[in-house]
C-alpha atoms as a PDB file:
ATOM      1  CA  MET A   1      -1.199  35.708  90.344  1.00  0.00           C
ATOM      2  CA  SER A   2      -1.344  32.310  91.976  1.00  0.00           C
ATOM      3  CA  SER A   3       0.351  29.451  93.307  1.00  0.00           C
ATOM      4  CA  ASP A   4      -1.358  26.208  94.187  1.00  0.00           C
ATOM      5  CA  SER A   5       1.923  24.697  94.921  1.00  0.00           C
ATOM      6  CA  ILE A   6       2.711  21.875  97.204  1.00  0.00           C
ATOM      7  CA  PRO A   7       6.224  22.603  99.044  1.00  0.00           C
ATOM      8  CA  GLU A   8       8.509  20.191  99.882  1.00  0.00           C
ATOM      9  CA  THR A   9      11.876  19.433 101.537  1.00  0.00           C
ATOM     10  CA  PHE A  10      14.386  18.160  99.546  1.00  0.00           C
ATOM     11  CA  PRO A  11      15.864  15.809 100.575  1.00  0.00           C
ATOM     12  CA  ALA A  12      13.185  14.775 102.984  1.00  0.00           C
ATOM     13  CA  ALA A  13      13.840  15.984 106.666  1.00  0.00           C
ATOM     14  CA  PRO A  14      14.923  12.856 108.815  1.00  0.00           C
ATOM     15  CA  ASP A  15      11.943  13.141 110.936  1.00  0.00           C
ATOM     16  CA  ALA A  16       9.188  14.129 108.223  1.00  0.00           C
ATOM     17  CA  PRO A  17       5.981  12.216 108.554  1.00  0.00           C
ATOM     18  CA  THR A  18       4.793   9.725 105.922  1.00  0.00           C
ATOM     19  CA  GLU A  19       1.768  11.906 105.062  1.00  0.00           C
ATOM     20  CA  SER A  20       3.567  15.142 104.525  1.00  0.00           C
ATOM     21  CA  PRO A  21       2.095  18.405 103.027  1.00  0.00           C
ATOM     22  CA  PHE A  22       5.577  18.585 101.085  1.00  0.00           C
ATOM     23  CA  ARG A  23       4.868  15.385  98.963  1.00  0.00           C
ATOM     24  CA  THR A  24       3.743  15.797  95.706  1.00  0.00           C
ATOM     25  CA  GLU A  25       2.176  12.075  95.429  1.00  0.00           C
ATOM     26  CA  PRO A  26      -1.394  11.463  96.600  1.00  0.00           C
ATOM     27  CA  THR A  27      -1.671  10.927 100.466  1.00  0.00           C
ATOM     28  CA  ALA A  28      -4.320  10.872 102.730  1.00  0.00           C
ATOM     29  CA  ARG A  29      -3.638  14.603 102.733  1.00  0.00           C
ATOM     30  CA  ASP A  30      -5.530  14.820  99.753  1.00  0.00           C
ATOM     31  CA  GLU A  31      -8.717  13.104 101.235  1.00  0.00           C
ATOM     32  CA  ALA A  32      -8.965  16.184 103.911  1.00  0.00           C
ATOM     33  CA  PRO A  33     -10.797  19.095 103.378  1.00  0.00           C
ATOM     34  CA  GLN A  34      -8.430  21.497 101.327  1.00  0.00           C
ATOM     35  CA  PHE A  35      -7.857  24.911 102.304  1.00  0.00           C
ATOM     36  CA  VAL A  36      -6.076  28.000 100.740  1.00  0.00           C
ATOM     37  CA  LEU A  37      -4.260  30.774 102.411  1.00  0.00           C
ATOM     38  CA  PRO A  38      -5.176  34.051 100.524  1.00  0.00           C
ATOM     39  CA  LEU A  39      -2.793  36.711  99.913  1.00  0.00           C
ATOM     40  CA  VAL A  40      -3.706  40.020  98.147  1.00  0.00           C
ATOM     41  CA  VAL A  41      -0.927  42.408  97.102  1.00  0.00           C
ATOM     42  CA  HIS A  42      -1.791  46.402  96.853  1.00  0.00           C
ATOM     43  CA  LEU A  43      -1.262  47.356  93.166  1.00  0.00           C
ATOM     44  CA  GLU A  44      -1.893  50.886  92.231  1.00  0.00           C
ATOM     45  CA  LYS A  45      -1.652  51.531  88.315  1.00  0.00           C
ATOM     46  CA  THR A  46       0.715  54.736  88.765  1.00  0.00           C
ATOM     47  CA  ALA A  47       2.908  53.110  91.679  1.00  0.00           C
ATOM     48  CA  PRO A  48       3.314  49.367  91.579  1.00  0.00           C
ATOM     49  CA  PRO A  49       5.831  48.101  93.839  1.00  0.00           C
ATOM     50  CA  ALA A  50       9.258  46.414  92.712  1.00  0.00           C
ATOM     51  CA  ARG A  51       8.994  42.681  92.157  1.00  0.00           C
ATOM     52  CA  ASN A  52      11.577  41.877  94.786  1.00  0.00           C
ATOM     53  CA  ASP A  53      10.005  44.049  97.555  1.00  0.00           C
ATOM     54  CA  ALA A  54       6.784  42.099  96.760  1.00  0.00           C
ATOM     55  CA  LEU A  55       8.178  38.797  97.161  1.00  0.00           C
ATOM     56  CA  VAL A  56       9.906  39.775 100.315  1.00  0.00           C
ATOM     57  CA  THR A  57       6.861  41.306 101.833  1.00  0.00           C
ATOM     58  CA  ALA A  58       4.865  38.227 100.975  1.00  0.00           C
ATOM     59  CA  ALA A  59       7.209  36.033 102.574  1.00  0.00           C
ATOM     60  CA  ARG A  60       7.258  38.114 105.993  1.00  0.00           C
ATOM     61  CA  ALA A  61       3.282  38.275 105.391  1.00  0.00           C
ATOM     62  CA  VAL A  62       3.070  34.432 105.436  1.00  0.00           C
ATOM     63  CA  LEU A  63       5.562  34.556 108.723  1.00  0.00           C
ATOM     64  CA  THR A  64       3.448  36.839 110.289  1.00  0.00           C
ATOM     65  CA  LEU A  65       0.640  35.125 110.192  1.00  0.00           C
ATOM     66  CA  LEU A  66       1.723  31.944 111.178  1.00  0.00           C
ATOM     67  CA  SER A  67       3.290  33.617 114.438  1.00  0.00           C
ATOM     68  CA  ASP A  68       0.328  35.656 115.087  1.00  0.00           C
ATOM     69  CA  PRO A  69      -1.465  34.861 118.653  1.00  0.00           C
ATOM     70  CA  ARG A  70      -4.801  34.446 116.617  1.00  0.00           C
ATOM     71  CA  SER A  71      -3.521  31.356 114.651  1.00  0.00           C
ATOM     72  CA  LEU A  72      -1.787  29.710 117.908  1.00  0.00           C
ATOM     73  CA  GLY A  73      -2.969  28.187 121.045  1.00  0.00           C
ATOM     74  CA  GLY A  74      -2.923  25.227 123.096  1.00  0.00           C
ATOM     75  CA  GLU A  75       0.039  22.927 122.360  1.00  0.00           C
ATOM     76  CA  ASP A  76       0.280  24.366 118.662  1.00  0.00           C
ATOM     77  CA  GLY A  77       1.736  27.547 119.506  1.00  0.00           C
ATOM     78  CA  GLY A  78       5.490  27.118 118.117  1.00  0.00           C
ATOM     79  CA  VAL A  79       6.522  30.452 119.432  1.00  0.00           C
ATOM     80  CA  GLU A  80       7.605  30.836 123.048  1.00  0.00           C
ATOM     81  CA  ASP A  81       5.581  33.390 124.969  1.00  0.00           C
ATOM     82  CA  VAL A  82       3.296  34.168 122.157  1.00  0.00           C
ATOM     83  CA  GLU A  83      -0.016  32.267 123.289  1.00  0.00           C
ATOM     84  CA  GLY A  84      -1.925  33.513 126.298  1.00  0.00           C
ATOM     85  CA  GLU A  85      -1.096  32.260 129.629  1.00  0.00           C
ATOM     86  CA  ASP A  86      -3.835  30.056 129.636  1.00  0.00           C
ATOM     87  CA  GLY A  87      -2.891  28.357 126.329  1.00  0.00           C
ATOM     88  CA  ALA A  88      -6.412  29.325 124.771  1.00  0.00           C
ATOM     89  CA  GLU A  89      -6.722  28.688 120.992  1.00  0.00           C
ATOM     90  CA  GLY A  90      -6.604  31.788 118.822  1.00  0.00           C
ATOM     91  CA  GLU A  91      -9.652  32.495 116.557  1.00  0.00           C
ATOM     92  CA  TRP A  92      -7.592  31.541 113.333  1.00  0.00           C
ATOM     93  CA  ALA A  93      -6.058  28.272 114.732  1.00  0.00           C
ATOM     94  CA  ARG A  94      -8.407  25.862 113.769  1.00  0.00           C
ATOM     95  CA  ALA A  95      -8.428  27.013 110.246  1.00  0.00           C
ATOM     96  CA  VAL A  96      -4.574  27.356 110.297  1.00  0.00           C
ATOM     97  CA  ARG A  97      -4.433  23.497 111.433  1.00  0.00           C
ATOM     98  CA  ASP A  98      -6.891  22.549 108.734  1.00  0.00           C
ATOM     99  CA  TRP A  99      -4.902  24.173 106.271  1.00  0.00           C
ATOM    100  CA  GLN A 100      -1.730  22.575 107.297  1.00  0.00           C
ATOM    101  CA  ASP A 101      -3.258  19.111 107.642  1.00  0.00           C
ATOM    102  CA  ALA A 102      -3.987  19.303 103.869  1.00  0.00           C
ATOM    103  CA  ARG A 103      -2.047  20.350 100.947  1.00  0.00           C
ATOM    104  CA  ILE A 104      -0.223  23.680 101.470  1.00  0.00           C
ATOM    105  CA  ARG A 105      -2.011  26.055  99.058  1.00  0.00           C
ATOM    106  CA  LYS A 106      -1.540  29.753  98.414  1.00  0.00           C
ATOM    107  CA  VAL A 107      -3.196  32.082  96.153  1.00  0.00           C
ATOM    108  CA  VAL A 108      -1.699  35.602  95.335  1.00  0.00           C
ATOM    109  CA  ARG A 109      -4.507  38.454  94.422  1.00  0.00           C
ATOM    110  CA  ARG A 110      -4.256  42.001  93.058  1.00  0.00           C
ATOM    111  CA  ALA A 111      -6.355  44.780  94.385  1.00  0.00           C
ATOM    112  CA  ARG A 112      -6.375  48.689  94.147  1.00  0.00           C
ATOM    113  CA  GLY A 113      -8.671  51.484  95.387  1.00  0.00           C
ATOM    114  CA  ALA A 114     -11.988  50.523  96.588  1.00  0.00           C
ATOM    115  CA  GLU A 115     -11.049  46.602  96.161  1.00  0.00           C
ATOM    116  CA  TRP A 116      -8.156  47.239  98.671  1.00  0.00           C
ATOM    117  CA  ARG A 117      -9.982  49.183 100.888  1.00  0.00           C
ATOM    118  CA  LYS A 118     -12.809  46.423 101.232  1.00  0.00           C
ATOM    119  CA  ALA A 119     -10.150  43.288 101.599  1.00  0.00           C
ATOM    120  CA  SER A 120      -8.466  45.570 104.281  1.00  0.00           C
ATOM    121  CA  ALA A 121     -11.916  45.517 105.961  1.00  0.00           C
ATOM    122  CA  LEU A 122     -11.875  41.837 106.425  1.00  0.00           C
ATOM    123  CA  PRO A 123     -10.045  40.120 109.285  1.00  0.00           C
ATOM    124  CA  GLY A 124      -6.205  39.699 108.077  1.00  0.00           C
ATOM    125  CA  ILE A 125      -2.789  41.073 108.493  1.00  0.00           C
ATOM    126  CA  THR A 126      -1.084  43.802 106.296  1.00  0.00           C
ATOM    127  CA  VAL A 127       2.211  43.615 106.118  1.00  0.00           C
ATOM    128  CA  THR A 128       4.643  46.471 104.589  1.00  0.00           C
ATOM    129  CA  GLY A 129       7.997  46.499 102.742  1.00  0.00           C
ATOM    130  CA  GLU A 130       9.894  49.361 101.356  1.00  0.00           C
ATOM    131  CA  HIS A 131       6.857  50.315  99.100  1.00  0.00           C
ATOM    132  CA  ALA A 132       4.898  46.811  98.777  1.00  0.00           C
ATOM    133  CA  GLU A 133       1.761  46.184 100.744  1.00  0.00           C
ATOM    134  CA  VAL A 134       0.380  42.626 100.924  1.00  0.00           C
ATOM    135  CA  ARG A 135      -2.378  41.522 103.148  1.00  0.00           C
ATOM    136  CA  VAL A 136      -2.546  37.850 104.576  1.00  0.00           C
ATOM    137  CA  PHE A 137      -5.932  36.278 105.475  1.00  0.00           C
ATOM    138  CA  PRO A 138      -6.564  33.125 107.387  1.00  0.00           C
ATOM    139  CA  PRO A 139      -6.923  29.943 105.374  1.00  0.00           C
ATOM    140  CA  VAL A 140     -10.329  29.429 103.549  1.00  0.00           C
ATOM    141  CA  PRO A 141     -11.770  26.681 102.014  1.00  0.00           C
ATOM    142  CA  LEU A 142     -10.924  26.327  98.173  1.00  0.00           C
ATOM    143  CA  ASP A 143     -14.845  26.931  97.480  1.00  0.00           C
ATOM    144  CA  GLY A 144     -15.357  29.573 100.430  1.00  0.00           C
ATOM    145  CA  TRP A 145     -13.602  32.525  99.431  1.00  0.00           C
ATOM    146  CA  PRO A 146     -15.284  35.654 100.794  1.00  0.00           C
ATOM    147  CA  LYS A 147     -16.711  37.737  97.981  1.00  0.00           C
ATOM    148  CA  GLU A 148     -14.517  40.605  98.372  1.00  0.00           C
ATOM    149  CA  LEU A 149     -11.676  38.249  97.805  1.00  0.00           C
ATOM    150  CA  ALA A 150     -13.182  36.052  95.249  1.00  0.00           C
ATOM    151  CA  LYS A 151     -13.909  38.679  92.653  1.00  0.00           C
ATOM    152  CA  LEU A 152     -10.050  40.004  92.841  1.00  0.00           C
ATOM    153  CA  GLN A 153      -8.039  39.381  89.954  1.00  0.00           C
ATOM    154  CA  VAL A 154      -5.376  36.609  89.778  1.00  0.00           C
ATOM    155  CA  SER A 155      -3.629  36.949  86.575  1.00  0.00           C
ATOM    156  CA  GLY A 156      -2.834  39.957  84.070  1.00  0.00           C
ATOM    157  CA  THR A 157      -0.440  41.790  85.870  1.00  0.00           C
ATOM    158  CA  ASP A 158       3.277  41.285  86.569  1.00  0.00           C
ATOM    159  CA  LEU A 159       5.812  43.401  88.243  1.00  0.00           C
ATOM    160  CA  ASP A 160       9.500  44.574  87.674  1.00  0.00           C
ATOM    161  CA  ASP A 161      12.465  45.407  89.238  1.00  0.00           C
ATOM    162  CA  PRO A 162      13.426  48.932  88.073  1.00  0.00           C
ATOM    163  CA  GLU A 163      16.664  48.710  89.508  1.00  0.00           C
ATOM    164  CA  ALA A 164      18.672  45.623  90.104  1.00  0.00           C
ATOM    165  CA  PRO A 165      17.813  44.312  93.754  1.00  0.00           C
ATOM    166  CA  ALA A 166      20.372  44.858  96.289  1.00  0.00           C
ATOM    167  CA  ALA A 167      22.404  41.693  97.250  1.00  0.00           C
ATOM    168  CA  PRO A 168      21.120  39.628  99.832  1.00  0.00           C
ATOM    169  CA  ASP A 169      22.267  39.911 103.295  1.00  0.00           C
ATOM    170  CA  LEU A 170      24.254  36.300 103.382  1.00  0.00           C
ATOM    171  CA  ALA A 171      24.211  36.652 107.421  1.00  0.00           C
ATOM    172  CA  GLY A 172      20.724  36.263 107.363  1.00  0.00           C
ATOM    173  CA  PRO A 173      17.899  34.472 105.911  1.00  0.00           C
ATOM    174  CA  VAL A 174      17.748  34.150 102.350  1.00  0.00           C
ATOM    175  CA  LEU A 175      15.037  32.513 100.009  1.00  0.00           C
ATOM    176  CA  TRP A 176      16.982  31.580  96.934  1.00  0.00           C
ATOM    177  CA  MET A 177      14.867  31.308  93.409  1.00  0.00           C
ATOM    178  CA  ASN A 178      15.753  28.811  90.750  1.00  0.00           C
ATOM    179  CA  PRO A 179      17.363  30.724  88.034  1.00  0.00           C
ATOM    180  CA  ASP A 180      16.004  28.626  85.559  1.00  0.00           C
ATOM    181  CA  VAL A 181      12.247  28.766  86.438  1.00  0.00           C
ATOM    182  CA  THR A 182      10.375  31.659  84.757  1.00  0.00           C
ATOM    183  CA  MET A 183       7.423  32.705  86.990  1.00  0.00           C
ATOM    184  CA  SER A 184       4.678  35.482  87.293  1.00  0.00           C
ATOM    185  CA  ALA A 185       5.047  38.018  90.370  1.00  0.00           C
ATOM    186  CA  GLY A 186       2.011  35.950  91.679  1.00  0.00           C
ATOM    187  CA  LYS A 187       3.596  32.984  91.335  1.00  0.00           C
ATOM    188  CA  ALA A 188       7.023  33.816  92.694  1.00  0.00           C
ATOM    189  CA  MET A 189       5.383  35.555  95.900  1.00  0.00           C
ATOM    190  CA  ALA A 190       3.523  32.325  96.841  1.00  0.00           C
ATOM    191  CA  GLN A 191       6.402  30.725  96.349  1.00  0.00           C
ATOM    192  CA  ALA A 192       8.595  33.115  98.306  1.00  0.00           C
ATOM    193  CA  GLY A 193       6.059  32.311 101.037  1.00  0.00           C
ATOM    194  CA  HIS A 194       6.174  28.539 100.607  1.00  0.00           C
ATOM    195  CA  GLY A 195       9.985  28.906 101.515  1.00  0.00           C
ATOM    196  CA  ALA A 196       9.539  31.053 104.470  1.00  0.00           C
ATOM    197  CA  GLN A 197       7.127  28.820 105.933  1.00  0.00           C
ATOM    198  CA  LEU A 198       9.376  25.553 105.296  1.00  0.00           C
ATOM    199  CA  ALA A 199      12.272  27.508 107.176  1.00  0.00           C
ATOM    200  CA  TRP A 200       9.483  28.468 110.152  1.00  0.00           C
ATOM    201  CA  TRP A 201       8.822  24.815 110.402  1.00  0.00           C
ATOM    202  CA  GLU A 202      12.412  23.461 110.358  1.00  0.00           C
ATOM    203  CA  LEU A 203      13.137  26.298 113.123  1.00  0.00           C
ATOM    204  CA  SER A 204      13.239  25.538 116.857  1.00  0.00           C
ATOM    205  CA  ASP A 205      10.760  27.576 119.145  1.00  0.00           C
ATOM    206  CA  THR A 206      13.751  29.616 120.299  1.00  0.00           C
ATOM    207  CA  GLU A 207      14.847  30.303 116.908  1.00  0.00           C
ATOM    208  CA  ARG A 208      11.285  31.237 115.799  1.00  0.00           C
ATOM    209  CA  THR A 209      10.886  33.657 118.683  1.00  0.00           C
ATOM    210  CA  ALA A 210      14.457  35.395 117.590  1.00  0.00           C
ATOM    211  CA  TRP A 211      13.149  35.726 113.983  1.00  0.00           C
ATOM    212  CA  ARG A 212       9.598  37.286 114.888  1.00  0.00           C
ATOM    213  CA  GLU A 213      11.177  39.604 117.317  1.00  0.00           C
ATOM    214  CA  ALA A 214      13.469  40.881 114.771  1.00  0.00           C
ATOM    215  CA  GLY A 215      10.916  41.769 112.439  1.00  0.00           C
ATOM    216  CA  PHE A 216      11.284  38.422 110.119  1.00  0.00           C
ATOM    217  CA  PRO A 217      14.120  40.131 108.361  1.00  0.00           C
ATOM    218  CA  LEU A 218      15.114  37.984 105.094  1.00  0.00           C
ATOM    219  CA  SER A 219      16.545  38.554 101.443  1.00  0.00           C
ATOM    220  CA  VAL A 220      15.265  36.999  98.287  1.00  0.00           C
ATOM    221  CA  ALA A 221      17.660  36.399  95.444  1.00  0.00           C
ATOM    222  CA  THR A 222      18.422  34.766  92.352  1.00  0.00           C
ATOM    223  CA  PRO A 223      21.867  32.782  92.351  1.00  0.00           C
ATOM    224  CA  GLY A 224      23.697  31.907  89.229  1.00  0.00           C
ATOM    225  CA  ALA A 225      23.546  28.115  88.049  1.00  0.00           C
ATOM    226  CA  ALA A 226      26.360  26.938  89.818  1.00  0.00           C
ATOM    227  CA  ARG A 227      25.303  28.257  93.177  1.00  0.00           C
ATOM    228  CA  TRP A 228      21.640  26.837  92.566  1.00  0.00           C
ATOM    229  CA  ARG A 229      23.154  23.295  92.252  1.00  0.00           C
ATOM    230  CA  GLU A 230      25.231  23.567  95.632  1.00  0.00           C
ATOM    231  CA  LEU A 231      22.165  25.182  97.278  1.00  0.00           C
ATOM    232  CA  THR A 232      19.678  22.272  96.164  1.00  0.00           C
ATOM    233  CA  ALA A 233      22.175  19.968  97.237  1.00  0.00           C
ATOM    234  CA  SER A 234      22.884  21.337 100.817  1.00  0.00           C
ATOM    235  CA  GLY A 235      20.324  19.741 102.615  1.00  0.00           C
ATOM    236  CA  LEU A 236      18.509  22.914 103.004  1.00  0.00           C
ATOM    237  CA  PRO A 237      14.517  22.913 102.663  1.00  0.00           C
ATOM    238  CA  VAL A 238      13.628  22.975  98.948  1.00  0.00           C
ATOM    239  CA  VAL A 239       9.921  24.090  97.495  1.00  0.00           C
ATOM    240  CA  ARG A 240       9.193  21.615  94.905  1.00  0.00           C
ATOM    241  CA  ASP A 241       6.081  22.870  92.698  1.00  0.00           C
ATOM    242  CA  ALA A 242       3.061  20.515  92.116  1.00  0.00           C
ATOM    243  CA  GLY A 243       2.672  22.051  88.932  1.00  0.00           C
ATOM    244  CA  PHE A 244      -0.985  22.830  89.054  1.00  0.00           C
ATOM    245  CA  THR A 245       0.093  26.401  87.328  1.00  0.00           C
ATOM    246  CA  GLU A 246       3.018  27.833  85.307  1.00  0.00           C
ATOM    247  CA  VAL A 247       5.778  25.551  85.977  1.00  0.00           C
ATOM    248  CA  ALA A 248       6.225  21.865  85.497  1.00  0.00           C
ATOM    249  CA  PRO A 249       5.391  19.327  88.196  1.00  0.00           C
ATOM    250  CA  GLY A 250       8.092  18.527  90.678  1.00  0.00           C
ATOM    251  CA  SER A 251      10.010  21.598  89.600  1.00  0.00           C
ATOM    252  CA  CYS A 252      12.308  23.310  92.383  1.00  0.00           C
ATOM    253  CA  THR A 253      11.534  26.582  92.756  1.00  0.00           C
ATOM    254  CA  VAL A 254      12.868  28.157  96.137  1.00  0.00           C
ATOM    255  CA  VAL A 255      15.796  26.800  98.674  1.00  0.00           C
ATOM    256  CA  ALA A 256      14.786  28.103 102.194  1.00  0.00           C
ATOM    257  CA  ASP A 257      18.317  29.602 103.536  1.00  0.00           C
ATOM    258  CA  HIS A 258      18.129  30.268 107.386  1.00  0.00           C
ATOM    259  CA  PRO A 259      21.629  30.694 109.642  1.00  0.00           C
ATOM    260  CA  ALA A 260      19.991  28.235 111.755  1.00  0.00           C
ATOM    261  CA  LEU A 261      19.432  25.547 109.223  1.00  0.00           C
ATOM    262  CA  ARG A 262      23.219  25.749 107.464  1.00  0.00           C
ATOM    263  CA  ARG A 263      25.393  22.624 107.908  1.00  0.00           C
END
């Protein structure tokens, strides 16, 4: 379960920087040290979470880390009244900034039993869904994973939805998955995380604060083909995959639909 995708707005936001982490062509960001955001899903053999639940929980985990005081500081806060009054930088802020200055990569791994307990002892945040548990960790260098995470499995396990997921709450944020792209559960979790991050970046500080204080409600859904075409042409942020794993380069995988971004 993994993704080395590079999210991208489509079409590009008017004020997007030239060297954007959303662009798939080579830029100076490729010269910077590369980091990855690790996410670990708790996956016991006897009680795996539903796929949709895992996708929602992974997206919320990414948002939770981005808004955590340990990831913020100084002028980089991005959420009103989260940083300390003195504007001190959080302990994860440098790693998060370095990660966002380079290519945006996320890798999802799975853990059970003792592996999950060891992973849970590392600095990070565990986010729970209906049944899913996903722990997100501060970014690490591509070649500098903690040993407790480096040995976890990346592939070989998928998740299903025993029952059809509930209809998305169209009054709230929705991450729309491409109906024509097949992805493993881990890949889809990383893509949902990319979509949530794109929405987060597009929001104002006030809108971010409101979303955070509400507990980051969101839905993940797969639209029909016609609706997907409408969404990709709507001006909402779109994740465009770099093509390192599973899908063709440039594939649009997720549309990040937030009420504040609808036009």
